[in-house]
Amino acid sequence: MTEDLKQRLVSLASVFLKLGVIGFGGPAAHIAMMEAEIVTDRQWLERSQFLDLLGATNLIPGPNSTEMAIHVGYIYGGVWGLMVAGICFLFPAIIMTTILAIIYTQFGSLPQIAPLLFGIKPAVIVVIISALYRLGKKAIKQRKFWLIFLLVIILNLLGRNEIFPSF
């Protein structure tokens, strides 16, 4: 393993541990943060490459933010980068979910906890909407694509989607 590769792996670990720890709001929020970190700050990828990668990850099943992390790791650090980015991105969520599950099973039925759980939902929704807006503004340049986007949102809200295509 060369010194350059070692340095790249350290950089990947640093970026994806950070994103794994602060990345609340689901895949849309994660991808917005990745775009800022990987395209804008570190310039590991061009914006067009990032958007192409995002399009590709939307074609395969699974959480696309995790797939993005793994793909970026592979592009920047090969097979070792793939493993480092994937593990570092997922590890904080695994630890936090385990801790929260333990706390919830022990204290979740207490009336004092219910408002806390209820209050988190709006904050997460705002983060997701904000990320979708920022990414959409950069990715959707033509009016016809905005119309398609709105149609898909409306159909989805009506319960029609690729998993359950009929009402």
Protein backbone atom coordinates (compact mmCIF):
# COMPACT_ATOMS: atom_id res chain seq x y z
CA MET A 1 0.00 0.00 0.00
CA THR A 2 1.50 3.32 -1.10
CA GLU A 3 1.73 6.42 1.07
CA ASP A 4 -0.66 8.22 -1.28
CA LEU A 5 -3.28 5.49 -0.83
CA LYS A 6 -2.82 5.55 2.96
CA GLN A 7 -3.41 9.30 2.97
CA ARG A 8 -6.49 8.91 0.77
CA LEU A 9 -7.89 6.26 3.12
CA VAL A 10 -7.34 8.52 6.13
CA SER A 11 -9.13 11.33 4.29
CA LEU A 12 -12.01 9.01 3.35
CA ALA A 13 -12.30 7.80 6.95
CA SER A 14 -12.33 11.36 8.24
CA VAL A 15 -14.98 12.56 5.80
CA PHE A 16 -17.31 9.60 6.11
CA LEU A 17 -17.04 9.29 9.90
CA LYS A 18 -17.97 12.97 10.11
CA LEU A 19 -20.89 12.53 7.70
CA GLY A 20 -21.99 9.40 9.55
CA VAL A 21 -22.07 11.26 12.87
CA ILE A 22 -23.73 14.52 11.77
CA GLY A 23 -25.86 13.16 8.92
CA PHE A 24 -29.43 13.22 10.23
CA GLY A 25 -32.44 13.29 7.95
CA GLY A 26 -32.01 10.23 5.79
CA PRO A 27 -30.46 9.71 2.37
CA ALA A 28 -31.51 13.07 0.89
CA ALA A 29 -29.84 14.98 3.72
CA HIS A 30 -26.77 12.73 3.58
CA ILE A 31 -26.37 13.29 -0.15
CA ALA A 32 -26.65 17.06 0.23
CA MET A 33 -23.90 16.98 2.87
CA MET A 34 -21.78 14.65 0.72
CA GLU A 35 -22.14 16.99 -2.23
CA ALA A 36 -20.91 19.91 -0.14
CA GLU A 37 -17.99 17.94 1.28
CA ILE A 38 -16.91 15.93 -1.76
CA VAL A 39 -17.66 18.29 -4.66
CA THR A 40 -17.42 21.77 -3.17
CA ASP A 41 -14.93 21.48 -0.30
CA ARG A 42 -12.53 18.69 -1.28
CA GLN A 43 -13.15 18.63 -5.05
CA TRP A 44 -12.74 14.86 -5.28
CA LEU A 45 -15.47 14.78 -7.95
CA GLU A 46 -16.91 17.26 -10.44
CA ARG A 47 -20.57 18.20 -9.87
CA SER A 48 -21.56 16.40 -13.10
CA GLN A 49 -19.78 13.21 -11.93
CA PHE A 50 -21.56 13.45 -8.58
CA LEU A 51 -24.97 13.85 -10.24
CA ASP A 52 -24.25 10.94 -12.62
CA LEU A 53 -23.29 8.81 -9.64
CA LEU A 54 -26.46 9.86 -7.85
CA GLY A 55 -28.50 8.85 -10.88
CA ALA A 56 -26.78 5.47 -10.99
CA THR A 57 -27.37 4.79 -7.29
CA ASN A 58 -31.06 5.54 -7.75
CA LEU A 59 -31.26 2.65 -10.22
CA ILE A 60 -30.12 0.00 -7.76
CA PRO A 61 -32.00 -1.08 -4.62
CA GLY A 62 -30.91 0.11 -1.21
CA PRO A 63 -30.21 3.39 0.53
CA ASN A 64 -28.57 5.59 -2.07
CA SER A 65 -26.59 7.66 0.44
CA THR A 66 -24.77 4.52 1.60
CA GLU A 67 -24.26 3.50 -2.02
CA MET A 68 -22.92 6.99 -2.79
CA ALA A 69 -20.45 6.75 0.10
CA ILE A 70 -19.24 3.37 -1.10
CA HIS A 71 -18.94 4.50 -4.74
CA VAL A 72 -17.06 7.67 -3.79
CA GLY A 73 -14.76 5.54 -1.64
CA TYR A 74 -14.09 3.28 -4.61
CA ILE A 75 -13.45 6.17 -7.00
CA TYR A 76 -11.10 7.93 -4.56
CA GLY A 77 -9.39 4.93 -2.94
CA GLY A 78 -10.09 1.76 -4.89
CA VAL A 79 -11.30 -1.38 -3.12
CA TRP A 80 -9.74 -0.28 0.19
CA GLY A 81 -11.46 3.08 -0.16
CA LEU A 82 -14.77 1.35 -0.80
CA MET A 83 -14.47 -0.57 2.46
CA VAL A 84 -13.22 2.38 4.51
CA ALA A 85 -15.91 4.77 3.26
CA GLY A 86 -18.71 2.22 3.73
CA ILE A 87 -17.69 1.16 7.23
CA CYS A 88 -16.97 4.70 8.42
CA PHE A 89 -20.27 6.01 7.05
CA LEU A 90 -22.36 3.21 8.58
CA PHE A 91 -20.59 2.68 11.91
CA PRO A 92 -21.89 5.82 13.70
CA ALA A 93 -25.48 5.02 12.67
CA ILE A 94 -25.14 1.44 13.89
CA ILE A 95 -23.83 2.60 17.27
CA MET A 96 -26.44 5.37 17.66
CA THR A 97 -29.30 3.11 16.61
CA THR A 98 -28.21 0.42 19.05
CA ILE A 99 -27.98 2.93 21.91
CA LEU A 100 -31.33 4.55 21.06
CA ALA A 101 -33.00 1.14 20.75
CA ILE A 102 -31.76 0.17 24.20
CA ILE A 103 -32.93 3.48 25.67
CA TYR A 104 -36.30 3.27 23.89
CA THR A 105 -37.00 -0.28 25.06
CA GLN A 106 -36.23 0.71 28.63
CA PHE A 107 -37.80 4.19 28.78
CA GLY A 108 -39.95 4.62 25.63
CA SER A 109 -43.24 4.06 27.40
CA LEU A 110 -42.62 6.85 29.93
CA PRO A 111 -44.93 9.84 29.35
CA GLN A 112 -42.00 12.28 29.69
CA ILE A 113 -40.30 10.79 26.61
CA ALA A 114 -43.27 11.04 24.19
CA PRO A 115 -42.92 14.83 23.53
CA LEU A 116 -39.21 14.40 22.78
CA LEU A 117 -39.91 11.70 20.20
CA PHE A 118 -42.77 13.76 18.73
CA GLY A 119 -40.59 16.90 18.48
CA ILE A 120 -37.83 15.24 16.47
CA LYS A 121 -40.05 14.47 13.45
CA PRO A 122 -40.58 18.07 12.22
CA ALA A 123 -36.86 18.81 12.44
CA VAL A 124 -36.03 15.76 10.32
CA ILE A 125 -38.68 16.71 7.75
CA VAL A 126 -37.23 20.24 7.43
CA VAL A 127 -33.72 18.84 6.88
CA ILE A 128 -35.00 16.50 4.15
CA ILE A 129 -37.02 19.20 2.35
CA SER A 130 -34.09 21.60 2.49
CA ALA A 131 -31.70 19.01 1.04
CA LEU A 132 -34.15 18.05 -1.71
CA TYR A 133 -34.60 21.69 -2.65
CA ARG A 134 -30.85 22.38 -2.85
CA LEU A 135 -30.13 19.24 -4.86
CA GLY A 136 -33.15 19.73 -7.09
CA LYS A 137 -32.14 23.29 -7.88
CA LYS A 138 -28.75 22.08 -9.07
CA ALA A 139 -29.91 18.94 -10.86
CA ILE A 140 -33.17 20.05 -12.48
CA LYS A 141 -32.44 22.82 -14.97
CA GLN A 142 -35.39 22.65 -17.37
CA ARG A 143 -39.01 23.51 -16.66
CA LYS A 144 -40.31 20.19 -18.06
CA PHE A 145 -38.26 18.27 -15.48
CA TRP A 146 -39.73 20.38 -12.66
CA LEU A 147 -43.20 19.49 -13.98
CA ILE A 148 -42.30 15.80 -14.02
CA PHE A 149 -40.89 16.13 -10.50
CA LEU A 150 -44.11 17.76 -9.23
CA LEU A 151 -46.24 15.12 -10.95
CA VAL A 152 -44.24 12.34 -9.28
CA ILE A 153 -44.60 14.03 -5.87
CA ILE A 154 -48.37 14.42 -6.32
CA LEU A 155 -48.80 10.81 -7.46
CA ASN A 156 -46.69 9.63 -4.55
CA LEU A 157 -48.78 11.62 -2.06
CA LEU A 158 -51.86 9.99 -3.59
CA GLY A 159 -50.34 6.58 -2.86
CA ARG A 160 -49.19 5.73 -6.35
CA ASN A 161 -45.54 4.74 -6.78
CA GLU A 162 -43.26 2.13 -8.31
CA ILE A 163 -43.84 -0.32 -5.45
CA PHE A 164 -47.64 0.01 -5.27
CA PRO A 165 -48.54 1.19 -8.80
CA SER A 166 -52.32 0.93 -8.39
CA PHE A 167 -54.60 2.51 -5.83
